[in-house]
């Protein structure tokens, strides 16, 4: 039998159905599914003596109303918004604005005037604009550029390091007029996003390719992180690299061949970082002179009680209460309940993240989410844990809440892309079934 779509009536029927389905990438699969049902009906009718045209007309009639079928398909495969994650992000953004305003009103930073809250609001609004923009990005079309994105992120990191723009003793920033951005922090989600779309480990052919991929994807990024004193981001990248290598591995021996040299190198390099040794000393011996910040942070939290010290209370013992130390400062001002609220929002964010990953079926999307889960779970939990002395002190701002300048825009853009992954979970071509033919 010739293709059913060559029949004019069948073609019109299929066009009418697809006109009601907004997800155009699903149209070929929908047409194929419906065509197979029409062919089955036509073959049975022709066996009973019907002509091709009559059999086509009767088969179409038996399929039902094309508008109803199209609406059913659209309903089953329409874009989905993850509203719970949006609400969590909105609450974090509002808490962040209020927290920075509280720090500004404390009078501890008169040199900034009103610029702290103004810039915080500016970066939040700019971040929300990027979130909306990335929400409508078709991430599937970005996969073919994964190699370019990975290489571009490495170039950006190397440029930031060798440009020698020193801010607060670190050469990790890129400056754009009045704005600056930590290139190492911003490159981290880009590297793992790109890594998720690159050639999976199970397709590597061994030998030289193993070595090249290990150096290019593993050793080179981590060396750039460590050389720029961004060992914390290097640790997150290492964990993300291990996770993505594990889910794309050929077998366990291959995974060990790739992982053990990289892990050993990272540990060896860290043993030679003096700043890290200082922080580990403070963490392991919390009563020593090196542990001043840990001691003061714990003291601030303990003294807060359930009601805190009030709005805009001064706390000179902690550095950067508008950014790095905003979480303990909010507890100091508003009591333990504020800490429970923020911690609860962070945990809810991670749980929603995990549930989104479970619900998404696209392999590429699941890899992206797995890599980014390492990024945001660690970056969000670490500032909370270090406030209680559970992990070493690092200069990390609580994402979406603390003042982090342009990095907040990057975080919101990543959140928009996360929402895009979930938005398209029912729109990825695959096994398509006609909802009207397979009722619940």
Protein backbone atom coordinates (compact mmCIF):
# COMPACT_ATOMS: atom_id res chain seq x y z
CA UNK A 1 0.00 0.00 0.00
CA UNK A 2 1.22 3.55 -0.77
CA UNK A 3 1.83 5.90 2.09
CA UNK A 4 -1.46 6.97 3.69
CA UNK A 5 -0.49 10.66 3.63
CA UNK A 6 -0.44 10.48 -0.17
CA UNK A 7 -4.19 10.21 0.04
CA UNK A 8 -5.67 13.72 0.04
CA UNK A 9 -8.33 13.01 2.68
CA UNK A 10 -5.79 11.42 5.03
CA UNK A 11 -3.38 14.32 4.59
CA UNK A 12 -6.12 16.83 5.40
CA UNK A 13 -7.11 14.81 8.49
CA UNK A 14 -3.52 14.70 9.78
CA UNK A 15 -3.03 18.42 9.12
CA UNK A 16 -6.20 19.21 11.06
CA UNK A 17 -5.03 17.12 14.02
CA UNK A 18 -1.55 18.68 14.09
CA UNK A 19 -2.94 22.21 13.82
CA UNK A 20 -4.15 21.83 17.42
CA UNK A 21 -0.77 20.63 18.78
CA UNK A 22 1.59 23.50 19.62
CA UNK A 23 4.63 21.24 20.13
CA UNK A 24 5.69 21.14 16.46
CA UNK A 25 8.58 18.78 17.17
CA UNK A 26 5.97 16.12 17.97
CA UNK A 27 4.11 16.48 14.67
CA UNK A 28 6.12 13.81 12.76
CA UNK A 29 5.57 11.23 15.53
CA UNK A 30 1.87 12.11 15.80
CA UNK A 31 1.39 11.79 12.04
CA UNK A 32 3.20 8.44 12.06
CA UNK A 33 1.10 7.13 14.97
CA UNK A 34 -2.20 8.16 13.40
CA UNK A 35 -1.13 6.96 9.95
CA UNK A 36 -0.41 3.48 11.33
CA UNK A 37 -3.94 3.27 12.78
CA UNK A 38 -5.46 4.48 9.50
CA UNK A 39 -3.44 1.92 7.51
CA UNK A 40 -4.65 -0.92 9.76
CA UNK A 41 -8.28 0.13 9.30
CA UNK A 42 -7.89 0.61 5.54
CA UNK A 43 -6.36 -2.84 5.07
CA UNK A 44 -9.26 -4.50 6.88
CA UNK A 45 -11.83 -2.50 4.93
CA UNK A 46 -10.15 -3.23 1.59
CA UNK A 47 -10.18 -6.94 2.40
CA UNK A 48 -13.97 -6.60 2.59
CA UNK A 49 -14.09 -5.21 -0.94
CA UNK A 50 -13.87 -1.43 -0.41
CA UNK A 51 -11.93 0.77 -2.78
CA UNK A 52 -8.90 2.66 -1.56
CA UNK A 53 -10.73 5.99 -1.45
CA UNK A 54 -13.76 4.56 0.31
CA UNK A 55 -11.59 2.68 2.79
CA UNK A 56 -9.63 5.86 3.55
CA UNK A 57 -12.81 7.87 4.10
CA UNK A 58 -14.28 5.19 6.41
CA UNK A 59 -10.99 4.80 8.35
CA UNK A 60 -10.84 8.54 8.89
CA UNK A 61 -14.47 8.56 10.04
CA UNK A 62 -13.70 5.81 12.57
CA UNK A 63 -10.76 7.81 13.96
CA UNK A 64 -13.13 10.52 15.17
CA UNK A 65 -13.13 14.29 15.26
CA UNK A 66 -9.64 15.57 14.25
CA UNK A 67 -10.07 18.70 16.39
CA UNK A 68 -10.84 16.62 19.48
CA UNK A 69 -7.90 14.28 18.80
CA UNK A 70 -5.58 17.25 18.30
CA UNK A 71 -6.71 18.90 21.54
CA UNK A 72 -6.19 15.61 23.39
CA UNK A 73 -2.67 15.36 22.01
CA UNK A 74 -1.97 18.97 22.97
CA UNK A 75 -3.30 18.45 26.47
CA UNK A 76 -1.11 15.37 26.94
CA UNK A 77 2.03 17.02 25.54
CA UNK A 78 1.63 20.70 26.37
CA UNK A 79 4.40 22.68 28.12
CA UNK A 80 4.51 22.22 31.89
CA UNK A 81 5.48 24.88 34.43
CA UNK A 82 7.10 23.77 37.69
CA UNK A 83 5.27 26.30 39.86
CA UNK A 84 6.58 24.96 43.17
CA UNK A 85 10.16 25.72 42.18
CA UNK A 86 9.11 29.18 40.97
CA UNK A 87 7.50 29.93 44.37
CA UNK A 88 10.63 28.76 46.20
CA UNK A 89 12.85 30.96 44.02
CA UNK A 90 10.54 33.95 44.53
CA UNK A 91 10.65 33.53 48.31
CA UNK A 92 14.45 33.24 48.25
CA UNK A 93 14.72 36.39 46.12
CA UNK A 94 12.47 38.35 48.50
CA UNK A 95 14.39 37.12 51.56
CA UNK A 96 17.62 38.10 49.84
CA UNK A 97 16.42 41.64 49.11
CA UNK A 98 15.11 42.05 52.65
CA UNK A 99 18.33 40.62 54.11
CA UNK A 100 20.59 43.00 52.16
CA UNK A 101 18.33 45.90 53.11
CA UNK A 102 18.65 44.87 56.75
CA UNK A 103 22.46 44.79 56.49
CA UNK A 104 22.49 48.20 54.80
CA UNK A 105 20.22 49.76 57.44
CA UNK A 106 22.45 48.45 60.24
CA UNK A 107 24.88 51.26 59.50
CA UNK A 108 27.86 48.91 59.35
CA UNK A 109 28.64 49.84 55.73
CA UNK A 110 28.24 53.63 55.42
CA UNK A 111 30.68 53.66 52.51
CA UNK A 112 28.07 51.97 50.30
CA UNK A 113 25.24 54.39 51.12
CA UNK A 114 22.08 53.02 49.51
CA UNK A 115 23.93 51.26 46.70
CA UNK A 116 23.79 47.82 48.35
CA UNK A 117 20.03 47.44 48.17
CA UNK A 118 19.83 49.26 44.83
CA UNK A 119 22.30 46.89 43.21
CA UNK A 120 20.71 43.87 44.90
CA UNK A 121 17.31 44.80 43.43
CA UNK A 122 18.90 45.54 40.05
CA UNK A 123 20.67 42.17 39.87
CA UNK A 124 17.54 40.37 41.08
CA UNK A 125 15.35 41.98 38.40
CA UNK A 126 18.01 41.35 35.75
CA UNK A 127 18.25 37.75 36.94
CA UNK A 128 14.48 37.30 36.71
CA UNK A 129 14.56 38.66 33.16
CA UNK A 130 17.21 36.08 32.25
CA UNK A 131 15.16 33.38 34.00
CA UNK A 132 12.17 34.18 31.79
CA UNK A 133 14.35 34.30 28.68
CA UNK A 134 16.04 30.95 29.34
CA UNK A 135 12.69 29.39 30.23
CA UNK A 136 11.78 29.55 26.53
CA UNK A 137 15.14 28.24 25.27
CA UNK A 138 14.99 24.87 23.50
CA UNK A 139 17.85 23.14 25.30
CA UNK A 140 17.81 20.27 22.77
CA UNK A 141 19.17 22.64 20.12
CA UNK A 142 22.12 23.50 22.34
CA UNK A 143 23.45 19.95 22.54
CA UNK A 144 25.29 20.19 19.22
CA UNK A 145 27.20 23.19 20.60
CA UNK A 146 28.33 21.36 23.76
CA UNK A 147 31.95 21.15 22.65
CA UNK A 148 32.04 24.85 21.76
CA UNK A 149 30.49 25.81 25.13
CA UNK A 150 33.01 23.68 27.03
CA UNK A 151 35.97 25.13 25.15
CA UNK A 152 34.59 28.66 25.53
CA UNK A 153 34.23 28.24 29.29
CA UNK A 154 37.86 27.06 29.56
CA UNK A 155 39.04 30.05 27.52
CA UNK A 156 37.04 32.40 29.76
CA UNK A 157 38.60 30.86 32.88
CA UNK A 158 42.12 31.08 31.45
CA UNK A 159 41.60 34.68 30.34
CA UNK A 160 40.35 35.71 33.80
CA UNK A 161 43.41 34.13 35.41
CA UNK A 162 46.02 35.55 33.04
CA UNK A 163 44.37 38.98 32.73
CA UNK A 164 45.63 39.60 36.28
CA UNK A 165 42.62 41.71 37.34
CA UNK A 166 43.13 41.52 41.09
CA UNK A 167 40.01 42.02 43.26
CA UNK A 168 40.28 41.13 46.94
CA UNK A 169 43.54 39.33 46.25
CA UNK A 170 42.07 36.96 43.64
CA UNK A 171 42.52 36.82 39.87
CA UNK A 172 39.18 35.30 38.95
CA UNK A 173 37.12 38.32 37.92
CA UNK A 174 36.15 39.77 34.57
CA UNK A 175 35.19 43.45 34.61
CA UNK A 176 32.55 45.00 32.35
CA UNK A 177 32.34 48.72 33.10
CA UNK A 178 30.80 49.07 36.59
CA UNK A 179 30.13 45.32 36.81
CA UNK A 180 32.39 42.38 37.57
CA UNK A 181 31.79 38.65 37.58
CA UNK A 182 33.66 35.71 39.05
CA UNK A 183 34.59 33.83 35.88
CA UNK A 184 35.36 30.62 37.77
CA UNK A 185 31.98 30.52 39.50
CA UNK A 186 30.11 31.48 36.31
CA UNK A 187 31.98 28.87 34.22
CA UNK A 188 31.09 26.02 36.59
CA UNK A 189 27.44 25.48 35.47
CA UNK A 190 28.44 26.08 31.85
CA UNK A 191 31.14 23.38 31.99
CA UNK A 192 28.77 20.78 33.45
CA UNK A 193 25.98 21.75 31.07
CA UNK A 194 28.36 21.25 28.15
CA UNK A 195 29.77 18.04 29.62
CA UNK A 196 26.26 16.56 29.71
CA UNK A 197 25.94 16.94 25.94
CA UNK A 198 29.40 15.79 24.89
CA UNK A 199 30.38 12.31 23.73
CA UNK A 200 29.53 9.87 26.57
CA UNK A 201 32.28 7.84 28.21
CA UNK A 202 30.84 4.52 26.99
CA UNK A 203 31.58 5.61 23.40
CA UNK A 204 35.24 6.37 24.03
CA UNK A 205 37.43 3.90 22.17
CA UNK A 206 40.12 3.51 24.84
CA UNK A 207 43.84 4.17 24.64
CA UNK A 208 44.66 7.66 23.47
CA UNK A 209 41.04 8.83 23.53
CA UNK A 210 40.79 7.92 27.23
CA UNK A 211 43.90 9.96 27.96
CA UNK A 212 42.83 12.94 25.86
CA UNK A 213 39.36 13.08 27.40
CA UNK A 214 40.76 12.70 30.91
CA UNK A 215 43.15 15.61 30.40
CA UNK A 216 40.73 17.86 28.51
CA UNK A 217 37.54 17.26 30.47
CA UNK A 218 39.00 16.44 33.86
CA UNK A 219 42.52 17.66 34.58
CA UNK A 220 42.53 20.96 32.65
CA UNK A 221 39.37 22.48 34.22
CA UNK A 222 40.38 21.42 37.73
CA UNK A 223 43.89 22.83 37.31
CA UNK A 224 42.38 26.17 36.24
CA UNK A 225 40.12 26.16 39.29
CA UNK A 226 42.96 25.30 41.68
CA UNK A 227 45.49 27.70 40.13
CA UNK A 228 43.02 30.56 40.60
CA UNK A 229 42.48 29.57 44.27
CA UNK A 230 38.93 28.42 43.42
CA UNK A 231 39.44 24.98 44.95
CA UNK A 232 35.82 24.96 46.21
CA UNK A 233 34.48 25.25 42.65
CA UNK A 234 37.07 22.72 41.56
CA UNK A 235 35.66 20.29 44.12
CA UNK A 236 32.11 20.83 42.81
CA UNK A 237 33.28 20.33 39.23
CA UNK A 238 35.11 17.15 40.22
CA UNK A 239 31.93 15.75 41.82
CA UNK A 240 29.86 16.72 38.77
CA UNK A 241 32.44 15.17 36.44
CA UNK A 242 32.40 11.93 38.45
CA UNK A 243 28.59 11.77 38.41
CA UNK A 244 28.32 12.37 34.67
CA UNK A 245 31.14 9.91 33.94
CA UNK A 246 29.43 7.27 36.09
CA UNK A 247 26.06 7.53 34.29
CA UNK A 248 27.72 7.42 30.86
CA UNK A 249 30.42 4.84 31.62
CA UNK A 250 30.95 1.61 29.72
CA UNK A 251 31.80 -0.39 32.85
CA UNK A 252 33.22 0.02 36.36
CA UNK A 253 36.90 -0.60 35.39
CA UNK A 254 36.65 2.17 32.81
CA UNK A 255 35.21 4.50 35.46
CA UNK A 256 38.06 3.71 37.87
CA UNK A 257 40.68 4.27 35.17
CA UNK A 258 39.27 7.75 34.60
CA UNK A 259 38.49 8.68 38.18
CA UNK A 260 41.40 7.48 40.30
CA UNK A 261 44.14 9.53 38.55
CA UNK A 262 41.97 12.65 38.62
CA UNK A 263 41.01 12.23 42.27
CA UNK A 264 44.63 11.55 43.27
CA UNK A 265 45.85 14.63 41.40
CA UNK A 266 43.22 16.84 43.03
CA UNK A 267 44.12 15.65 46.53
CA UNK A 268 47.84 16.08 45.82
CA UNK A 269 47.35 19.64 44.59
CA UNK A 270 45.18 20.59 47.56
CA UNK A 271 47.86 19.46 50.03
CA UNK A 272 50.06 22.22 48.62
CA UNK A 273 47.49 25.02 48.97
CA UNK A 274 48.47 27.07 52.03
CA UNK A 275 45.14 28.89 52.33
CA UNK A 276 43.27 25.59 52.40
CA UNK A 277 45.56 24.24 55.11
CA UNK A 278 44.79 27.33 57.18
CA UNK A 279 41.04 26.79 56.85
CA UNK A 280 41.27 23.10 57.59
CA UNK A 281 43.30 23.94 60.68
CA UNK A 282 40.54 26.29 61.81
CA UNK A 283 37.91 23.65 61.12
CA UNK A 284 39.70 20.77 62.82
CA UNK A 285 40.75 22.83 65.85
CA UNK A 286 37.78 25.17 66.48
CA UNK A 287 39.32 26.70 69.62
CA UNK A 288 42.56 27.82 67.98
CA UNK A 289 43.43 31.38 66.91
CA UNK A 290 42.67 30.42 63.29
CA UNK A 291 39.04 29.71 64.20
CA UNK A 292 37.95 33.27 64.93
CA UNK A 293 35.23 33.40 62.27
CA UNK A 294 33.79 30.00 63.20
CA UNK A 295 33.70 30.97 66.88
CA UNK A 296 32.04 34.32 66.17
CA UNK A 297 29.49 32.79 63.80
CA UNK A 298 28.43 30.19 66.34
CA UNK A 299 28.27 32.83 69.07
CA UNK A 300 26.03 35.04 66.93
CA UNK A 301 23.63 32.17 66.23
CA UNK A 302 23.50 31.01 69.86
CA UNK A 303 22.88 34.55 71.14
CA UNK A 304 19.97 35.07 68.74
CA UNK A 305 17.49 32.82 70.51
CA UNK A 306 14.02 32.49 69.03
CA UNK A 307 13.43 36.24 68.68
CA UNK A 308 16.83 37.61 67.63
CA UNK A 309 18.27 41.07 68.30
CA UNK A 310 15.91 42.95 66.05
CA UNK A 311 15.89 44.57 62.62
CA UNK A 312 19.25 45.97 61.45
CA UNK A 313 21.10 44.91 64.59
CA UNK A 314 24.83 45.59 64.35
CA UNK A 315 27.22 42.65 64.23
CA UNK A 316 30.77 43.86 63.65
CA UNK A 317 32.39 40.49 64.41
CA UNK A 318 31.36 38.87 61.12
CA UNK A 319 32.73 39.93 57.72
CA UNK A 320 30.46 40.62 54.73
CA UNK A 321 27.13 40.17 56.50
CA UNK A 322 25.39 41.24 53.26
CA UNK A 323 26.92 38.34 51.29
CA UNK A 324 29.07 35.53 52.74
CA UNK A 325 27.68 35.85 56.29
CA UNK A 326 24.10 36.86 55.46
CA UNK A 327 22.63 33.55 56.70
CA UNK A 328 24.02 33.80 60.28
CA UNK A 329 23.32 37.55 60.28
CA UNK A 330 19.62 37.02 59.54
CA UNK A 331 19.49 34.49 62.37
CA UNK A 332 21.21 37.02 64.64
CA UNK A 333 18.61 39.67 63.75
CA UNK A 334 15.40 37.63 63.53
CA UNK A 335 16.06 34.49 65.56
CA UNK A 336 16.32 30.80 64.94
CA UNK A 337 12.99 30.72 63.09
CA UNK A 338 14.52 32.68 60.19
CA UNK A 339 17.32 30.11 59.96
CA UNK A 340 14.77 27.28 59.93
CA UNK A 341 12.80 29.08 57.19
CA UNK A 342 15.84 29.58 54.93
CA UNK A 343 17.12 26.04 55.53
CA UNK A 344 13.65 24.69 54.77
CA UNK A 345 13.52 26.60 51.48
CA UNK A 346 16.95 25.26 50.49
CA UNK A 347 15.92 21.69 51.28
CA UNK A 348 12.64 22.16 49.37
CA UNK A 349 14.62 23.51 46.39
CA UNK A 350 16.85 20.43 46.36
CA UNK A 351 13.87 18.06 46.77
CA UNK A 352 12.01 19.73 43.87
CA UNK A 353 15.21 19.50 41.84
CA UNK A 354 15.40 15.76 42.50
CA UNK A 355 11.71 15.17 41.72
CA UNK A 356 12.03 17.08 38.45
CA UNK A 357 14.96 14.84 37.52
CA UNK A 358 12.87 11.74 38.23
CA UNK A 359 9.91 12.97 36.15
CA UNK A 360 12.01 13.94 33.11
CA UNK A 361 12.62 11.08 30.67
CA UNK A 362 14.98 12.69 28.18
CA UNK A 363 18.50 11.30 28.75
CA UNK A 364 20.25 14.55 27.82
CA UNK A 365 18.04 16.59 30.18
CA UNK A 366 18.65 14.11 33.02
CA UNK A 367 22.41 14.48 32.57
CA UNK A 368 22.15 18.26 32.72
CA UNK A 369 20.10 18.09 35.89
CA UNK A 370 22.46 15.58 37.47
CA UNK A 371 25.46 17.84 36.88
CA UNK A 372 23.65 20.93 38.11
CA UNK A 373 22.31 19.09 41.13
CA UNK A 374 25.92 18.79 42.29
CA UNK A 375 26.44 22.52 41.69
CA UNK A 376 23.42 23.86 43.53
CA UNK A 377 23.08 21.26 46.27
CA UNK A 378 26.67 21.91 47.39
CA UNK A 379 26.59 25.69 46.88
CA UNK A 380 23.32 26.04 48.81
CA UNK A 381 24.01 23.64 51.65
CA UNK A 382 27.64 24.63 52.28
CA UNK A 383 26.98 28.22 53.55
CA UNK A 384 24.36 26.83 55.94
CA UNK A 385 26.58 24.03 57.21
CA UNK A 386 29.63 26.26 57.61
CA UNK A 387 27.57 28.65 59.76
CA UNK A 388 27.28 25.83 62.30
CA UNK A 389 30.91 24.75 61.96
CA UNK A 390 30.04 21.48 60.21
CA UNK A 391 32.20 22.23 57.15
CA UNK A 392 35.22 24.54 56.68
CA UNK A 393 34.70 28.26 56.05
CA UNK A 394 34.76 29.24 52.37
CA UNK A 395 33.89 32.51 50.68
CA UNK A 396 30.62 31.27 49.20
CA UNK A 397 27.39 33.27 49.01
CA UNK A 398 24.05 31.51 49.47
CA UNK A 399 22.62 31.45 45.91
CA UNK A 400 19.51 33.57 45.21
CA UNK A 401 19.69 35.09 48.73
CA UNK A 402 23.11 36.62 49.46
CA UNK A 403 24.52 39.57 47.56
CA UNK A 404 26.63 38.10 44.75
CA UNK A 405 26.42 40.68 41.97
CA UNK A 406 26.38 39.32 38.43
CA UNK A 407 26.66 35.77 39.76
CA UNK A 408 23.05 36.12 40.88
CA UNK A 409 22.09 36.73 37.25
CA UNK A 410 23.91 33.52 36.25
CA UNK A 411 22.07 31.57 38.96
CA UNK A 412 18.67 32.83 37.84
CA UNK A 413 19.54 32.10 34.20
CA UNK A 414 20.44 28.52 35.19
CA UNK A 415 17.15 28.27 37.09
CA UNK A 416 15.34 29.39 33.94
CA UNK A 417 17.03 26.64 31.95
CA UNK A 418 16.08 24.12 34.65
CA UNK A 419 12.45 25.20 34.27
CA UNK A 420 12.87 24.83 30.50
CA UNK A 421 14.00 21.21 30.95
CA UNK A 422 10.85 20.49 32.92
CA UNK A 423 8.67 22.57 30.61
CA UNK A 424 9.54 20.34 27.68
CA UNK A 425 9.33 17.00 29.50
CA UNK A 426 6.14 16.05 27.59
CA UNK A 427 7.30 17.61 24.33
CA UNK A 428 10.32 15.44 23.55
CA UNK A 429 9.71 13.17 20.52
CA UNK A 430 9.50 9.52 21.46
CA UNK A 431 6.74 7.00 21.90
CA UNK A 432 3.53 8.87 21.06
CA UNK A 433 0.14 7.46 21.86
CA UNK A 434 -3.21 8.91 20.85
CA UNK A 435 -4.98 9.79 24.12
CA UNK A 436 -8.38 9.38 22.47
CA UNK A 437 -7.49 5.85 21.33
CA UNK A 438 -6.07 4.80 24.70
CA UNK A 439 -8.40 6.18 27.36
CA UNK A 440 -7.53 5.82 31.05
